[in-house]
C-alpha atoms as a PDB file:
ATOM      1  CA  MET A   1      -4.359 -12.686  13.995  1.00  0.00           C
ATOM      2  CA  ILE A   2      -6.265 -12.054  10.644  1.00  0.00           C
ATOM      3  CA  LYS A   3      -4.462  -9.730   8.039  1.00  0.00           C
ATOM      4  CA  GLY A   4      -4.902  -6.370   7.154  1.00  0.00           C
ATOM      5  CA  ILE A   5      -5.536  -5.656   3.447  1.00  0.00           C
ATOM      6  CA  THR A   6      -2.333  -3.949   2.732  1.00  0.00           C
ATOM      7  CA  GLN A   7      -0.736  -6.796   4.121  1.00  0.00           C
ATOM      8  CA  ARG A   8      -2.208  -9.402   1.966  1.00  0.00           C
ATOM      9  CA  ALA A   9       0.428 -10.233  -0.409  1.00  0.00           C
ATOM     10  CA  VAL A  10      -0.055 -11.195  -4.263  1.00  0.00           C
ATOM     11  CA  GLY A  11      -2.083 -14.415  -5.162  1.00  0.00           C
ATOM     12  CA  GLU A  12      -4.028 -14.227  -1.936  1.00  0.00           C
ATOM     13  CA  THR A  13      -7.617 -14.790  -1.692  1.00  0.00           C
ATOM     14  CA  VAL A  14     -10.146 -11.990   0.173  1.00  0.00           C
ATOM     15  CA  ASP A  15     -13.363 -12.473   1.331  1.00  0.00           C
ATOM     16  CA  GLU A  16     -13.824  -9.496   3.807  1.00  0.00           C
ATOM     17  CA  PHE A  17     -15.824  -6.487   4.917  1.00  0.00           C
ATOM     18  CA  LEU A  18     -13.861  -3.346   3.909  1.00  0.00           C
ATOM     19  CA  LEU A  19     -14.872   0.835   3.500  1.00  0.00           C
ATOM     20  CA  ILE A  20     -15.130   2.978   0.600  1.00  0.00           C
ATOM     21  CA  LYS A  21     -12.716   5.301   1.169  1.00  0.00           C
ATOM     22  CA  GLN A  22     -12.933   6.754  -2.568  1.00  0.00           C
ATOM     23  CA  SER A  23     -15.058   6.008  -5.676  1.00  0.00           C
ATOM     24  CA  VAL A  24     -14.428   7.882  -8.793  1.00  0.00           C
ATOM     25  CA  LYS A  25     -16.799   6.986 -12.390  1.00  0.00           C
ATOM     26  CA  GLY A  26     -14.578   6.364 -15.589  1.00  0.00           C
ATOM     27  CA  VAL A  27     -14.930   5.573 -19.038  1.00  0.00           C
ATOM     28  CA  THR A  28     -12.354   3.231 -20.852  1.00  0.00           C
ATOM     29  CA  THR A  29     -10.604   4.354 -24.603  1.00  0.00           C
ATOM     30  CA  THR A  30     -13.275   1.585 -26.031  1.00  0.00           C
ATOM     31  CA  GLY A  31     -16.587   3.680 -24.046  1.00  0.00           C
ATOM     32  CA  ASN A  32     -17.336   1.209 -21.199  1.00  0.00           C
ATOM     33  CA  PRO A  33     -17.936   3.002 -17.790  1.00  0.00           C
ATOM     34  CA  PHE A  34     -16.009   1.496 -14.675  1.00  0.00           C
ATOM     35  CA  ILE A  35     -15.248   2.974 -11.164  1.00  0.00           C
ATOM     36  CA  SER A  36     -12.230   3.459  -9.552  1.00  0.00           C
ATOM     37  CA  LEU A  37     -12.318   2.146  -5.869  1.00  0.00           C
ATOM     38  CA  VAL A  38      -9.952   2.775  -2.858  1.00  0.00           C
ATOM     39  CA  LEU A  39     -10.775   0.064  -0.370  1.00  0.00           C
ATOM     40  CA  GLN A  40      -9.351   0.164   3.345  1.00  0.00           C
ATOM     41  CA  ASP A  41      -9.462  -1.142   6.703  1.00  0.00           C
ATOM     42  CA  LYS A  42      -7.498  -0.449   9.739  1.00  0.00           C
ATOM     43  CA  SER A  43      -4.395  -1.621   7.869  1.00  0.00           C
ATOM     44  CA  GLY A  44      -4.814   1.144   5.141  1.00  0.00           C
ATOM     45  CA  ASP A  45      -6.275   1.008   1.762  1.00  0.00           C
ATOM     46  CA  ILE A  46      -5.810  -0.587  -1.407  1.00  0.00           C
ATOM     47  CA  GLU A  47      -6.925   0.198  -5.383  1.00  0.00           C
ATOM     48  CA  ALA A  48      -9.254  -1.527  -7.029  1.00  0.00           C
ATOM     49  CA  LYS A  49     -11.934  -1.498 -10.607  1.00  0.00           C
ATOM     50  CA  LEU A  50     -14.961  -2.271 -10.827  1.00  0.00           C
ATOM     51  CA  TRP A  51     -15.720  -3.103 -14.689  1.00  0.00           C
ATOM     52  CA  ASP A  52     -18.845  -2.328 -16.976  1.00  0.00           C
ATOM     53  CA  THR A  53     -20.954  -1.233 -14.240  1.00  0.00           C
ATOM     54  CA  LYS A  54     -24.325   0.662 -14.846  1.00  0.00           C
ATOM     55  CA  ASP A  55     -25.562   4.150 -13.334  1.00  0.00           C
ATOM     56  CA  GLU A  56     -26.960   2.118 -10.285  1.00  0.00           C
ATOM     57  CA  HIS A  57     -23.558   1.271  -9.134  1.00  0.00           C
ATOM     58  CA  GLU A  58     -22.300   4.514  -8.720  1.00  0.00           C
ATOM     59  CA  LYS A  59     -24.955   4.878  -5.455  1.00  0.00           C
ATOM     60  CA  LEU A  60     -24.345   1.578  -4.905  1.00  0.00           C
ATOM     61  CA  PHE A  61     -20.746   1.800  -4.372  1.00  0.00           C
ATOM     62  CA  ALA A  62     -20.496   5.180  -3.227  1.00  0.00           C
ATOM     63  CA  ALA A  63     -17.590   6.430  -0.768  1.00  0.00           C
ATOM     64  CA  GLU A  64     -18.630   5.917   2.764  1.00  0.00           C
ATOM     65  CA  THR A  65     -20.270   2.338   1.852  1.00  0.00           C
ATOM     66  CA  ILE A  66     -19.419  -0.673   3.450  1.00  0.00           C
ATOM     67  CA  VAL A  67     -19.086  -3.687   1.133  1.00  0.00           C
ATOM     68  CA  ARG A  68     -18.326  -7.180   1.448  1.00  0.00           C
ATOM     69  CA  VAL A  69     -15.825  -8.081  -1.093  1.00  0.00           C
ATOM     70  CA  GLY A  70     -14.452 -11.235  -2.821  1.00  0.00           C
ATOM     71  CA  GLY A  71     -11.160 -11.394  -5.097  1.00  0.00           C
ATOM     72  CA  GLU A  72      -7.589 -11.574  -5.666  1.00  0.00           C
ATOM     73  CA  ILE A  73      -4.438  -9.354  -5.055  1.00  0.00           C
ATOM     74  CA  HIS A  74      -2.687  -8.915  -7.784  1.00  0.00           C
ATOM     75  CA  ASN A  75       0.546  -6.593  -9.033  1.00  0.00           C
ATOM     76  CA  TYR A  76      -0.039  -3.769 -11.424  1.00  0.00           C
ATOM     77  CA  ARG A  77       2.900  -1.702 -12.449  1.00  0.00           C
ATOM     78  CA  GLY A  78       4.413  -2.831  -9.277  1.00  0.00           C
ATOM     79  CA  LYS A  79       1.565  -1.981  -6.894  1.00  0.00           C
ATOM     80  CA  ASN A  80      -1.011  -4.385  -5.140  1.00  0.00           C
ATOM     81  CA  GLN A  81      -4.306  -3.965  -6.285  1.00  0.00           C
ATOM     82  CA  LEU A  82      -7.636  -5.641  -5.265  1.00  0.00           C
ATOM     83  CA  ARG A  83      -9.095  -7.476  -8.379  1.00  0.00           C
ATOM     84  CA  ILE A  84     -12.651  -7.952  -7.328  1.00  0.00           C
ATOM     85  CA  LYS A  85     -14.783 -10.747  -8.154  1.00  0.00           C
ATOM     86  CA  SER A  86     -17.908 -10.380  -5.586  1.00  0.00           C
ATOM     87  CA  ILE A  87     -18.850  -7.072  -3.948  1.00  0.00           C
ATOM     88  CA  ARG A  88     -22.139  -6.299  -2.924  1.00  0.00           C
ATOM     89  CA  PRO A  89     -23.151  -3.441   0.537  1.00  0.00           C
ATOM     90  CA  ALA A  90     -23.243  -4.842   3.826  1.00  0.00           C
ATOM     91  CA  LYS A  91     -26.173  -5.861   5.177  1.00  0.00           C
ATOM     92  CA  PRO A  92     -27.881  -3.828   8.176  1.00  0.00           C
ATOM     93  CA  GLU A  93     -27.587  -7.279  10.589  1.00  0.00           C
ATOM     94  CA  GLU A  94     -24.194  -7.733   9.697  1.00  0.00           C
ATOM     95  CA  HIS A  95     -23.110  -4.716  12.203  1.00  0.00           C
ATOM     96  CA  GLN A  96     -20.368  -3.912  10.632  1.00  0.00           C
ATOM     97  CA  SER A  97     -19.098   0.022  11.915  1.00  0.00           C
ATOM     98  CA  ILE A  98     -17.171   2.663   9.586  1.00  0.00           C
ATOM     99  CA  SER A  99     -14.672   3.260  12.834  1.00  0.00           C
ATOM    100  CA  ASP A 100     -13.839  -0.348  12.886  1.00  0.00           C
ATOM    101  CA  LEU A 101     -12.485  -0.044   9.466  1.00  0.00           C
ATOM    102  CA  MET A 102     -10.421   3.310   9.424  1.00  0.00           C
ATOM    103  CA  PRO A 103      -7.081   3.422  10.219  1.00  0.00           C
ATOM    104  CA  SER A 104      -6.337   5.916  12.989  1.00  0.00           C
ATOM    105  CA  SER A 105      -3.477   7.229  15.120  1.00  0.00           C
ATOM    106  CA  GLU A 106      -1.952   4.989  17.506  1.00  0.00           C
ATOM    107  CA  LYS A 107      -1.713   7.499  20.040  1.00  0.00           C
ATOM    108  CA  THR A 108      -4.889   9.007  21.599  1.00  0.00           C
ATOM    109  CA  THR A 109      -6.287  12.679  20.995  1.00  0.00           C
ATOM    110  CA  GLU A 110      -5.715  13.230  24.841  1.00  0.00           C
ATOM    111  CA  GLN A 111      -1.935  12.199  24.497  1.00  0.00           C
ATOM    112  CA  LEU A 112      -1.446  14.160  21.014  1.00  0.00           C
ATOM    113  CA  SER A 113      -2.936  17.195  22.558  1.00  0.00           C
ATOM    114  CA  GLU A 114      -1.004  16.946  25.829  1.00  0.00           C
ATOM    115  CA  GLU A 115       2.455  16.877  23.464  1.00  0.00           C
ATOM    116  CA  ILE A 116       1.460  19.984  21.313  1.00  0.00           C
ATOM    117  CA  LEU A 117       0.693  21.729  24.424  1.00  0.00           C
ATOM    118  CA  GLN A 118       4.211  21.112  25.753  1.00  0.00           C
ATOM    119  CA  TYR A 119       5.912  22.694  22.602  1.00  0.00           C
ATOM    120  CA  LEU A 120       3.399  25.569  22.815  1.00  0.00           C
ATOM    121  CA  PHE A 121       4.217  26.279  26.583  1.00  0.00           C
ATOM    122  CA  GLN A 122       7.853  26.634  25.418  1.00  0.00           C
ATOM    123  CA  MET A 123       7.152  29.641  23.538  1.00  0.00           C
ATOM    124  CA  GLU A 124       8.845  32.918  24.863  1.00  0.00           C
ATOM    125  CA  ASN A 125       7.914  35.298  22.444  1.00  0.00           C
ATOM    126  CA  PRO A 126       4.479  36.156  23.573  1.00  0.00           C
ATOM    127  CA  ALA A 127       3.507  37.533  20.287  1.00  0.00           C
ATOM    128  CA  ILE A 128       3.869  33.950  18.057  1.00  0.00           C
ATOM    129  CA  GLN A 129       2.433  32.259  20.871  1.00  0.00           C
ATOM    130  CA  ARG A 130      -0.861  34.419  21.556  1.00  0.00           C
ATOM    131  CA  ILE A 131      -1.706  33.718  17.602  1.00  0.00           C
ATOM    132  CA  THR A 132      -0.350  29.539  18.024  1.00  0.00           C
ATOM    133  CA  ARG A 133      -2.662  29.313  21.160  1.00  0.00           C
ATOM    134  CA  HIS A 134      -5.628  30.962  19.724  1.00  0.00           C
ATOM    135  CA  ILE A 135      -5.546  28.862  16.605  1.00  0.00           C
ATOM    136  CA  LEU A 136      -5.128  25.944  18.379  1.00  0.00           C
ATOM    137  CA  LYS A 137      -7.626  26.230  20.669  1.00  0.00           C
ATOM    138  CA  LYS A 138     -10.032  27.498  18.026  1.00  0.00           C
ATOM    139  CA  TYR A 139      -9.794  24.417  16.059  1.00  0.00           C
ATOM    140  CA  GLN A 140      -8.962  21.930  18.304  1.00  0.00           C
ATOM    141  CA  GLN A 141     -10.897  19.300  17.676  1.00  0.00           C
ATOM    142  CA  GLN A 142     -10.444  19.625  13.949  1.00  0.00           C
ATOM    143  CA  ILE A 143      -7.032  19.464  14.336  1.00  0.00           C
ATOM    144  CA  LEU A 144      -6.763  16.135  16.603  1.00  0.00           C
ATOM    145  CA  THR A 145      -9.375  13.976  14.402  1.00  0.00           C
ATOM    146  CA  PHE A 146      -8.521  15.052  10.452  1.00  0.00           C
ATOM    147  CA  PRO A 147      -6.054  13.602   8.296  1.00  0.00           C
ATOM    148  CA  ALA A 148      -3.067  15.137   7.166  1.00  0.00           C
ATOM    149  CA  ALA A 149      -3.929  14.294   3.480  1.00  0.00           C
ATOM    150  CA  THR A 150      -6.162  12.282   1.196  1.00  0.00           C
ATOM    151  CA  ARG A 151      -3.651   9.563   0.132  1.00  0.00           C
ATOM    152  CA  ASN A 152      -0.016   8.838   1.142  1.00  0.00           C
ATOM    153  CA  HIS A 153       1.127  10.061   4.353  1.00  0.00           C
ATOM    154  CA  HIS A 154      -0.998  10.422   7.549  1.00  0.00           C
ATOM    155  CA  ASP A 155      -4.137   9.802   6.087  1.00  0.00           C
ATOM    156  CA  TYR A 156      -6.081   8.464   8.940  1.00  0.00           C
ATOM    157  CA  VAL A 157      -7.830   9.396  11.824  1.00  0.00           C
ATOM    158  CA  SER A 158      -5.642  12.170  13.609  1.00  0.00           C
ATOM    159  CA  GLY A 159      -3.140  11.985  10.844  1.00  0.00           C
ATOM    160  CA  LEU A 160      -2.968  15.652  11.314  1.00  0.00           C
ATOM    161  CA  ALA A 161      -1.827  15.560  14.459  1.00  0.00           C
ATOM    162  CA  ASP A 162       0.425  12.924  14.419  1.00  0.00           C
ATOM    163  CA  HIS A 163       2.209  14.522  11.663  1.00  0.00           C
ATOM    164  CA  VAL A 164       2.592  17.752  14.089  1.00  0.00           C
ATOM    165  CA  VAL A 165       3.692  15.551  17.056  1.00  0.00           C
ATOM    166  CA  SER A 166       6.937  13.882  15.194  1.00  0.00           C
ATOM    167  CA  MET A 167       7.751  16.894  13.674  1.00  0.00           C
ATOM    168  CA  LEU A 168       8.041  18.871  16.533  1.00  0.00           C
ATOM    169  CA  ARG A 169      10.260  16.108  17.959  1.00  0.00           C
ATOM    170  CA  LEU A 170      11.950  16.421  14.984  1.00  0.00           C
ATOM    171  CA  GLY A 171      12.144  20.387  15.340  1.00  0.00           C
ATOM    172  CA  LYS A 172      13.341  20.057  18.856  1.00  0.00           C
ATOM    173  CA  ALA A 173      16.462  18.060  18.086  1.00  0.00           C
ATOM    174  CA  ILE A 174      17.224  20.249  15.009  1.00  0.00           C
ATOM    175  CA  CYS A 175      17.118  23.206  17.299  1.00  0.00           C
ATOM    176  CA  GLU A 176      19.731  21.540  19.968  1.00  0.00           C
ATOM    177  CA  ILE A 177      22.038  20.508  17.329  1.00  0.00           C
ATOM    178  CA  TYR A 178      21.498  24.214  15.977  1.00  0.00           C
ATOM    179  CA  PRO A 179      20.597  26.514  18.637  1.00  0.00           C
ATOM    180  CA  SER A 180      20.665  29.716  16.517  1.00  0.00           C
ATOM    181  CA  LEU A 181      17.541  28.802  15.407  1.00  0.00           C
ATOM    182  CA  ASN A 182      14.364  30.793  16.833  1.00  0.00           C
ATOM    183  CA  LYS A 183      12.392  27.543  18.344  1.00  0.00           C
ATOM    184  CA  ASP A 184       9.454  29.687  18.606  1.00  0.00           C
ATOM    185  CA  LEU A 185       9.130  30.431  15.293  1.00  0.00           C
ATOM    186  CA  LEU A 186       9.843  26.624  13.964  1.00  0.00           C
ATOM    187  CA  TYR A 187       7.760  25.264  16.864  1.00  0.00           C
ATOM    188  CA  ALA A 188       4.570  27.764  15.875  1.00  0.00           C
ATOM    189  CA  GLY A 189       5.539  27.031  12.070  1.00  0.00           C
ATOM    190  CA  ILE A 190       5.337  23.306  12.631  1.00  0.00           C
ATOM    191  CA  ILE A 191       1.677  23.428  14.609  1.00  0.00           C
ATOM    192  CA  LEU A 192       0.475  25.873  12.208  1.00  0.00           C
ATOM    193  CA  HIS A 193       1.445  24.825   8.610  1.00  0.00           C
ATOM    194  CA  ASP A 194      -0.774  22.319   7.999  1.00  0.00           C
ATOM    195  CA  VAL A 195      -4.195  23.799  10.205  1.00  0.00           C
ATOM    196  CA  GLY A 196      -5.649  24.955   6.851  1.00  0.00           C
ATOM    197  CA  LYS A 197      -6.298  21.370   5.936  1.00  0.00           C
ATOM    198  CA  VAL A 198      -9.217  21.436   8.471  1.00  0.00           C
ATOM    199  CA  PHE A 199     -10.877  23.560   5.911  1.00  0.00           C
ATOM    200  CA  GLU A 200      -9.238  22.270   2.728  1.00  0.00           C
ATOM    201  CA  LEU A 201     -10.291  18.629   3.438  1.00  0.00           C
ATOM    202  CA  SER A 202     -13.922  17.121   3.896  1.00  0.00           C
ATOM    203  CA  GLY A 203     -13.399  15.165   7.549  1.00  0.00           C
ATOM    204  CA  PRO A 204     -11.533  11.740   8.762  1.00  0.00           C
ATOM    205  CA  ILE A 205     -14.021   9.659   7.014  1.00  0.00           C
ATOM    206  CA  ALA A 206     -14.306   9.144   3.282  1.00  0.00           C
ATOM    207  CA  THR A 207     -11.535  12.185   2.921  1.00  0.00           C
ATOM    208  CA  THR A 208     -11.916  14.486   0.001  1.00  0.00           C
ATOM    209  CA  TYR A 209     -11.266  18.177  -0.907  1.00  0.00           C
ATOM    210  CA  THR A 210     -13.627  20.433  -0.022  1.00  0.00           C
ATOM    211  CA  LEU A 211     -15.189  23.781  -2.411  1.00  0.00           C
ATOM    212  CA  GLU A 212     -12.528  25.931  -0.506  1.00  0.00           C
ATOM    213  CA  GLY A 213      -9.934  23.281  -0.272  1.00  0.00           C
ATOM    214  CA  ASN A 214      -9.983  23.184  -4.230  1.00  0.00           C
ATOM    215  CA  LEU A 215     -10.192  27.231  -4.976  1.00  0.00           C
ATOM    216  CA  LEU A 216      -8.022  28.378  -1.877  1.00  0.00           C
ATOM    217  CA  GLY A 217      -5.666  25.627  -0.663  1.00  0.00           C
ATOM    218  CA  HIS A 218      -4.692  25.210   2.631  1.00  0.00           C
ATOM    219  CA  ILE A 219      -1.930  27.453   2.651  1.00  0.00           C
ATOM    220  CA  SER A 220      -3.543  30.509   1.487  1.00  0.00           C
ATOM    221  CA  ILE A 221      -6.628  29.496   4.139  1.00  0.00           C
ATOM    222  CA  MET A 222      -4.067  29.673   6.964  1.00  0.00           C
ATOM    223  CA  VAL A 223      -2.009  32.813   5.981  1.00  0.00           C
ATOM    224  CA  ASN A 224      -5.633  34.600   5.771  1.00  0.00           C
ATOM    225  CA  GLU A 225      -5.991  32.742   9.436  1.00  0.00           C
ATOM    226  CA  ILE A 226      -3.020  34.043  10.975  1.00  0.00           C
ATOM    227  CA  SER A 227      -3.453  37.908   9.290  1.00  0.00           C
ATOM    228  CA  LYS A 228      -7.336  37.325  11.087  1.00  0.00           C
ATOM    229  CA  THR A 229      -6.158  36.128  14.422  1.00  0.00           C
ATOM    230  CA  ALA A 230      -3.577  39.133  14.594  1.00  0.00           C
ATOM    231  CA  ASP A 231      -6.180  41.103  13.779  1.00  0.00           C
ATOM    232  CA  GLU A 232      -8.405  39.740  16.293  1.00  0.00           C
ATOM    233  CA  LEU A 233      -5.976  39.630  19.278  1.00  0.00           C
ATOM    234  CA  GLU A 234      -4.471  43.440  18.053  1.00  0.00           C
ATOM    235  CA  ILE A 235      -0.909  41.807  17.571  1.00  0.00           C
ATOM    236  CA  GLU A 236       1.331  43.988  15.199  1.00  0.00           C
ATOM    237  CA  GLY A 237       4.652  43.488  14.069  1.00  0.00           C
ATOM    238  CA  GLU A 238       7.482  40.817  12.445  1.00  0.00           C
ATOM    239  CA  GLU A 239       5.915  37.960  13.924  1.00  0.00           C
ATOM    240  CA  VAL A 240       2.765  37.993  11.917  1.00  0.00           C
ATOM    241  CA  LEU A 241       4.713  38.364   8.854  1.00  0.00           C
ATOM    242  CA  LEU A 242       7.122  35.756   9.902  1.00  0.00           C
ATOM    243  CA  LEU A 243       4.421  33.431  10.544  1.00  0.00           C
ATOM    244  CA  GLN A 244       2.380  33.860   7.281  1.00  0.00           C
ATOM    245  CA  HIS A 245       6.163  33.125   5.440  1.00  0.00           C
ATOM    246  CA  MET A 246       6.336  30.117   7.047  1.00  0.00           C
ATOM    247  CA  VAL A 247       3.212  28.395   5.517  1.00  0.00           C
ATOM    248  CA  LEU A 248       3.373  30.195   2.569  1.00  0.00           C
ATOM    249  CA  SER A 249       7.128  28.351   2.097  1.00  0.00           C
ATOM    250  CA  HIS A 250       6.690  25.277   4.118  1.00  0.00           C
ATOM    251  CA  HIS A 251       6.282  23.443   0.455  1.00  0.00           C
ATOM    252  CA  GLY A 252       9.726  24.231  -0.271  1.00  0.00           C
ATOM    253  CA  LYS A 253       9.351  24.977  -4.077  1.00  0.00           C
ATOM    254  CA  GLU A 254       6.735  26.784  -6.453  1.00  0.00           C
ATOM    255  CA  GLU A 255       6.433  23.679  -8.759  1.00  0.00           C
ATOM    256  CA  TRP A 256       5.279  21.533  -4.979  1.00  0.00           C
ATOM    257  CA  GLY A 257       2.736  24.052  -4.472  1.00  0.00           C
ATOM    258  CA  SER A 258       4.862  26.566  -2.863  1.00  0.00           C
ATOM    259  CA  PRO A 259       3.779  30.328  -3.190  1.00  0.00           C
ATOM    260  CA  LYS A 260       7.060  31.851  -1.967  1.00  0.00           C
ATOM    261  CA  LYS A 261      10.500  29.534  -1.687  1.00  0.00           C
ATOM    262  CA  PRO A 262      12.028  29.550   1.990  1.00  0.00           C
ATOM    263  CA  MET A 263      13.835  33.065   2.713  1.00  0.00           C
ATOM    264  CA  ILE A 264      14.226  32.583   6.702  1.00  0.00           C
ATOM    265  CA  LYS A 265      16.387  29.592   8.208  1.00  0.00           C
ATOM    266  CA  GLU A 266      13.062  28.621  10.468  1.00  0.00           C
ATOM    267  CA  ALA A 267      11.372  28.388   6.984  1.00  0.00           C
ATOM    268  CA  GLU A 268      14.184  26.483   5.314  1.00  0.00           C
ATOM    269  CA  MET A 269      14.062  23.568   7.973  1.00  0.00           C
ATOM    270  CA  LEU A 270      10.066  23.659   8.503  1.00  0.00           C
ATOM    271  CA  HIS A 271      10.162  22.718   4.816  1.00  0.00           C
ATOM    272  CA  TYR A 272      12.944  19.631   5.421  1.00  0.00           C
ATOM    273  CA  ILE A 273      11.100  18.735   8.446  1.00  0.00           C
ATOM    274  CA  ASP A 274       7.667  18.276   7.136  1.00  0.00           C
ATOM    275  CA  ASN A 275       9.171  16.296   4.181  1.00  0.00           C
ATOM    276  CA  ILE A 276      11.071  14.145   6.299  1.00  0.00           C
ATOM    277  CA  ASP A 277       7.924  13.266   8.183  1.00  0.00           C
ATOM    278  CA  ALA A 278       6.193  12.668   5.084  1.00  0.00           C
ATOM    279  CA  LYS A 279       8.311  10.230   3.145  1.00  0.00           C
ATOM    280  CA  MET A 280       9.083   8.148   6.224  1.00  0.00           C
ATOM    281  CA  MET A 281       5.665   7.467   6.786  1.00  0.00           C
ATOM    282  CA  MET A 282       5.118   6.642   3.110  1.00  0.00           C
ATOM    283  CA  LEU A 283       8.506   4.492   3.177  1.00  0.00           C
ATOM    284  CA  ASP A 284       7.432   2.881   6.565  1.00  0.00           C
ATOM    285  CA  ARG A 285       4.087   1.823   5.058  1.00  0.00           C
ATOM    286  CA  ALA A 286       5.536   0.169   1.967  1.00  0.00           C
ATOM    287  CA  LEU A 287       8.444  -1.634   3.465  1.00  0.00           C
ATOM    288  CA  ASP A 288       6.114  -3.128   6.261  1.00  0.00           C
ATOM    289  CA  LYS A 289       3.737  -4.652   3.670  1.00  0.00           C
ATOM    290  CA  THR A 290       7.383  -6.186   2.172  1.00  0.00           C
ATOM    291  CA  LYS A 291       9.301  -9.162   3.056  1.00  0.00           C
ATOM    292  CA  PRO A 292      12.627  -9.118   3.943  1.00  0.00           C
ATOM    293  CA  GLY A 293      14.867  -9.690   0.868  1.00  0.00           C
ATOM    294  CA  GLU A 294      12.432  -8.325  -1.652  1.00  0.00           C
ATOM    295  CA  PHE A 295      11.537  -4.653  -3.360  1.00  0.00           C
ATOM    296  CA  SER A 296       8.577  -2.572  -1.720  1.00  0.00           C
ATOM    297  CA  GLU A 297       5.791  -1.673  -4.444  1.00  0.00           C
ATOM    298  CA  ARG A 298       6.758   1.600  -6.464  1.00  0.00           C
ATOM    299  CA  LEU A 299       6.266   4.670  -4.439  1.00  0.00           C
ATOM    300  CA  PHE A 300       4.799   7.842  -6.644  1.00  0.00           C
ATOM    301  CA  PRO A 301       5.321  10.355  -4.537  1.00  0.00           C
ATOM    302  CA  LEU A 302       9.197   9.390  -4.605  1.00  0.00           C
ATOM    303  CA  ASP A 303      10.061   9.533  -7.783  1.00  0.00           C
ATOM    304  CA  ASN A 304       8.163   6.094  -8.373  1.00  0.00           C
ATOM    305  CA  ARG A 305      11.092   4.132  -6.875  1.00  0.00           C
ATOM    306  CA  SER A 306      10.475   0.433  -5.149  1.00  0.00           C
ATOM    307  CA  PHE A 307      12.808   0.097  -1.932  1.00  0.00           C
ATOM    308  CA  TYR A 308      14.523  -2.747  -0.716  1.00  0.00           C
ATOM    309  CA  LYS A 309      14.017  -4.394   2.979  1.00  0.00           C
ATOM    310  CA  PRO A 310      17.344  -5.537   3.814  1.00  0.00           C
ATOM    311  CA  THR A 311      17.610  -9.017   5.664  1.00  0.00           C
ATOM    312  CA  ILE A 312      20.074  -7.447   8.188  1.00  0.00           C
ATOM    313  CA  LYS A 313      18.791  -6.356  11.700  1.00  0.00           C
END
């Protein structure tokens, strides 16, 4: 079985086709131009640098370009990178497909959709269910195919729906332990909290932030969408306000991007569930490419810590 780019160890050589996920032009402290690349295949992505670049390289190695790359894996500040020795765009006759080089959910969109709908059907509050159902139906295709982020967690095809399904399972378990929680509100908050990403992000291929995403952000976008949906369905009442608060506060703290801190217990739980699922994704991804008895690469979103992979089973 051929190893993916993220499964290569330091010192291993690379000679394969990869997809440019991100391409950003920069300048060194001495004034020399370079391009920072994020290259990916089915296994995930890796950072690389192109040094001493010229203007034509910016178009030649733009995002969404498939390239043939030769090089070697090395470690830089606790994280694996690809040291490029040769790179060229793939030729048409080489028949490389972008979809063959993109990580995606292990579940089909049909499986993801079916599981999300099971939680929708369990909702008993008609206002919460109608608002959630309307938004799900309106953006179904995007919800089922978009990533949940550009980097770090669930940053792959159908990552957003994968994230929602995992969070719903966590939410169900927590509601069984703490039955005082309003499951309708928690399930709806889980389903809706990141739907604004379908406006904030450009799509599943070479994902970037849109103009709307940069200027407004997915939280503000979703709060407005809930208000608009309630108006369209002629729904009034506390449910609308509570759903908006769930979305507004799900990042937990102002410094983490939340306009408001959680002020109802369902919002507090939503924040924890979101955090658990995102961090477990990052940890599993890092430890999957770490040998037992060794430490992972440093994870910037987790305080730049390295994590040990035990030898025990």
